[in-house]
């Protein structure tokens, strides 16, 4: 009887722990989305850091991080978004979003960080986007050189 009762209470507490973990994940997502809407870059940076604590990102979280990467005016926030998205890089939507983001970047730091991530991920699909980026006239020579090196590594 004791074993049966022990198993019953054990499975009940496991279900409660799973429910609490799900609720915590949902709370983090809600807080992240709210902070991304703030004007302060510090708050938006906090939002991106919250996503680093997530073990699995939902579609809206990934969309919000990609939106931040492509549109945030603060370079540090965009760099943090790359770092957060790298944690979910096994997701095909994230990979495609990272590759698509290459064309939207005007910061050399963000461009190089994306290139380094693509080399780390060995994602050859990004080569075309980097070649298109190199055609832009406003890229400093030293950045062009580094991007060309990253392309060679990918090929």
Foldseek 3Di string as FASTA:
>chain_A
DVVVVVVVVVVVVVVVVVVVVVVVLVVLLVCLVVQCPDPDVVSPQVSLVSLQVDQDDDPVVLVSLLCCLQDPPDPVSNLSSVVSLLSVCVDPVSVVSLLVSLQRDDDLVNNLSSLVSCLVVLPLVSLVSLVVVLPDPPDDPVSSVSSVVSNVSSD
